[in-house]
């Protein structure tokens, strides 16, 4: 699999849902959060569905298996939260 350099720099080591926010702990210990309202699938999901988050692609992406939703870390950093 090919990666952009930025994708290898900005990787997630932990992810969780808290108070309507998706929270990511980055490999450099910075924390990034975004509101679930920015993504239609997350906004309309149950708390249980929001909490079921997987880190994928070596820490460069997030996956919600119950919602069939994937977001890239770079996309989130750039303000692209899906639809």
C-alpha atoms as a PDB file:
ATOM      1  CA  UNK A   1       0.000   0.000   0.000  1.00  0.00           C
ATOM      2  CA  UNK A   2       1.285   3.472  -0.860  1.00  0.00           C
ATOM      3  CA  UNK A   3       1.087   6.307   1.652  1.00  0.00           C
ATOM      4  CA  UNK A   4       1.647  10.027   1.451  1.00  0.00           C
ATOM      5  CA  UNK A   5       4.339  11.312   3.826  1.00  0.00           C
ATOM      6  CA  UNK A   6       1.719  13.302   5.782  1.00  0.00           C
ATOM      7  CA  UNK A   7      -0.292  10.111   6.341  1.00  0.00           C
ATOM      8  CA  UNK A   8       2.681   8.456   7.990  1.00  0.00           C
ATOM      9  CA  UNK A   9       3.345  11.477  10.208  1.00  0.00           C
ATOM     10  CA  UNK A  10      -0.266  11.947  11.374  1.00  0.00           C
ATOM     11  CA  UNK A  11      -1.334   8.597  12.789  1.00  0.00           C
ATOM     12  CA  UNK A  12      -3.856   7.769  15.500  1.00  0.00           C
ATOM     13  CA  UNK A  13      -2.891   5.647  18.499  1.00  0.00           C
ATOM     14  CA  UNK A  14      -6.278   5.803  20.301  1.00  0.00           C
ATOM     15  CA  UNK A  15      -9.807   6.889  19.355  1.00  0.00           C
ATOM     16  CA  UNK A  16     -13.031   7.252  21.359  1.00  0.00           C
ATOM     17  CA  UNK A  17     -16.426   8.979  21.411  1.00  0.00           C
ATOM     18  CA  UNK A  18     -17.108  11.396  24.263  1.00  0.00           C
ATOM     19  CA  UNK A  19     -19.944  13.901  24.749  1.00  0.00           C
ATOM     20  CA  UNK A  20     -20.825  14.146  21.060  1.00  0.00           C
ATOM     21  CA  UNK A  21     -17.193  14.408  19.964  1.00  0.00           C
ATOM     22  CA  UNK A  22     -14.928  11.954  18.166  1.00  0.00           C
ATOM     23  CA  UNK A  23     -11.583  12.164  19.956  1.00  0.00           C
ATOM     24  CA  UNK A  24      -8.274  11.009  18.537  1.00  0.00           C
ATOM     25  CA  UNK A  25      -4.979  10.704  20.381  1.00  0.00           C
ATOM     26  CA  UNK A  26      -2.261  11.084  17.799  1.00  0.00           C
ATOM     27  CA  UNK A  27       1.049   9.226  17.845  1.00  0.00           C
ATOM     28  CA  UNK A  28       2.769  12.478  18.934  1.00  0.00           C
ATOM     29  CA  UNK A  29       0.346  12.742  21.921  1.00  0.00           C
ATOM     30  CA  UNK A  30      -1.657  15.617  20.429  1.00  0.00           C
ATOM     31  CA  UNK A  31      -5.411  15.292  20.722  1.00  0.00           C
ATOM     32  CA  UNK A  32      -7.806  16.126  17.896  1.00  0.00           C
ATOM     33  CA  UNK A  33     -11.598  16.263  18.300  1.00  0.00           C
ATOM     34  CA  UNK A  34     -14.513  16.913  15.996  1.00  0.00           C
ATOM     35  CA  UNK A  35     -18.271  16.992  16.623  1.00  0.00           C
ATOM     36  CA  UNK A  36     -20.326  14.043  15.378  1.00  0.00           C
ATOM     37  CA  UNK A  37     -22.749  16.563  13.831  1.00  0.00           C
ATOM     38  CA  UNK A  38     -20.171  17.157  11.068  1.00  0.00           C
ATOM     39  CA  UNK A  39     -20.910  13.675   9.650  1.00  0.00           C
ATOM     40  CA  UNK A  40     -24.476  12.561   8.792  1.00  0.00           C
ATOM     41  CA  UNK A  41     -23.909   8.885   9.602  1.00  0.00           C
ATOM     42  CA  UNK A  42     -22.364   9.698  12.981  1.00  0.00           C
ATOM     43  CA  UNK A  43     -24.969  12.349  13.733  1.00  0.00           C
ATOM     44  CA  UNK A  44     -27.829   9.892  13.172  1.00  0.00           C
ATOM     45  CA  UNK A  45     -26.125   6.936  14.887  1.00  0.00           C
ATOM     46  CA  UNK A  46     -26.794   5.530  18.320  1.00  0.00           C
ATOM     47  CA  UNK A  47     -24.218   6.002  21.067  1.00  0.00           C
ATOM     48  CA  UNK A  48     -23.369   2.302  20.788  1.00  0.00           C
ATOM     49  CA  UNK A  49     -22.724   2.657  17.030  1.00  0.00           C
ATOM     50  CA  UNK A  50     -20.601   5.777  17.567  1.00  0.00           C
ATOM     51  CA  UNK A  51     -18.546   4.032  20.244  1.00  0.00           C
ATOM     52  CA  UNK A  52     -17.660   1.108  17.963  1.00  0.00           C
ATOM     53  CA  UNK A  53     -14.655   2.717  16.238  1.00  0.00           C
ATOM     54  CA  UNK A  54     -11.683   0.894  14.739  1.00  0.00           C
ATOM     55  CA  UNK A  55      -8.299   2.345  13.833  1.00  0.00           C
ATOM     56  CA  UNK A  56      -7.405   1.118  10.337  1.00  0.00           C
ATOM     57  CA  UNK A  57      -4.620   1.355   7.758  1.00  0.00           C
ATOM     58  CA  UNK A  58      -1.769   1.641  10.231  1.00  0.00           C
ATOM     59  CA  UNK A  59      -3.390   4.500  12.127  1.00  0.00           C
ATOM     60  CA  UNK A  60      -4.208   6.605   9.058  1.00  0.00           C
ATOM     61  CA  UNK A  61      -7.958   5.964   9.105  1.00  0.00           C
ATOM     62  CA  UNK A  62     -11.011   5.383  11.280  1.00  0.00           C
ATOM     63  CA  UNK A  63     -13.766   2.837  10.621  1.00  0.00           C
ATOM     64  CA  UNK A  64     -17.237   2.451  12.126  1.00  0.00           C
ATOM     65  CA  UNK A  65     -18.256  -1.120  11.173  1.00  0.00           C
ATOM     66  CA  UNK A  66     -21.865  -0.714  12.346  1.00  0.00           C
ATOM     67  CA  UNK A  67     -22.281   2.327  10.075  1.00  0.00           C
ATOM     68  CA  UNK A  68     -20.061   1.279   7.152  1.00  0.00           C
ATOM     69  CA  UNK A  69     -18.254   4.621   7.530  1.00  0.00           C
ATOM     70  CA  UNK A  70     -14.564   5.338   6.994  1.00  0.00           C
ATOM     71  CA  UNK A  71     -12.698   8.616   7.501  1.00  0.00           C
ATOM     72  CA  UNK A  72      -9.049   9.350   6.838  1.00  0.00           C
ATOM     73  CA  UNK A  73      -7.037  11.114   9.514  1.00  0.00           C
ATOM     74  CA  UNK A  74      -5.663  13.544   6.926  1.00  0.00           C
ATOM     75  CA  UNK A  75      -9.217  14.302   5.799  1.00  0.00           C
ATOM     76  CA  UNK A  76     -10.269  15.028   9.371  1.00  0.00           C
ATOM     77  CA  UNK A  77      -7.261  17.302   9.895  1.00  0.00           C
ATOM     78  CA  UNK A  78      -8.185  19.111   6.653  1.00  0.00           C
ATOM     79  CA  UNK A  79     -11.788  19.551   7.832  1.00  0.00           C
ATOM     80  CA  UNK A  80     -13.357  16.859   5.620  1.00  0.00           C
ATOM     81  CA  UNK A  81     -15.688  14.864   7.857  1.00  0.00           C
ATOM     82  CA  UNK A  82     -17.687  12.927   5.266  1.00  0.00           C
ATOM     83  CA  UNK A  83     -21.326  13.534   4.480  1.00  0.00           C
END
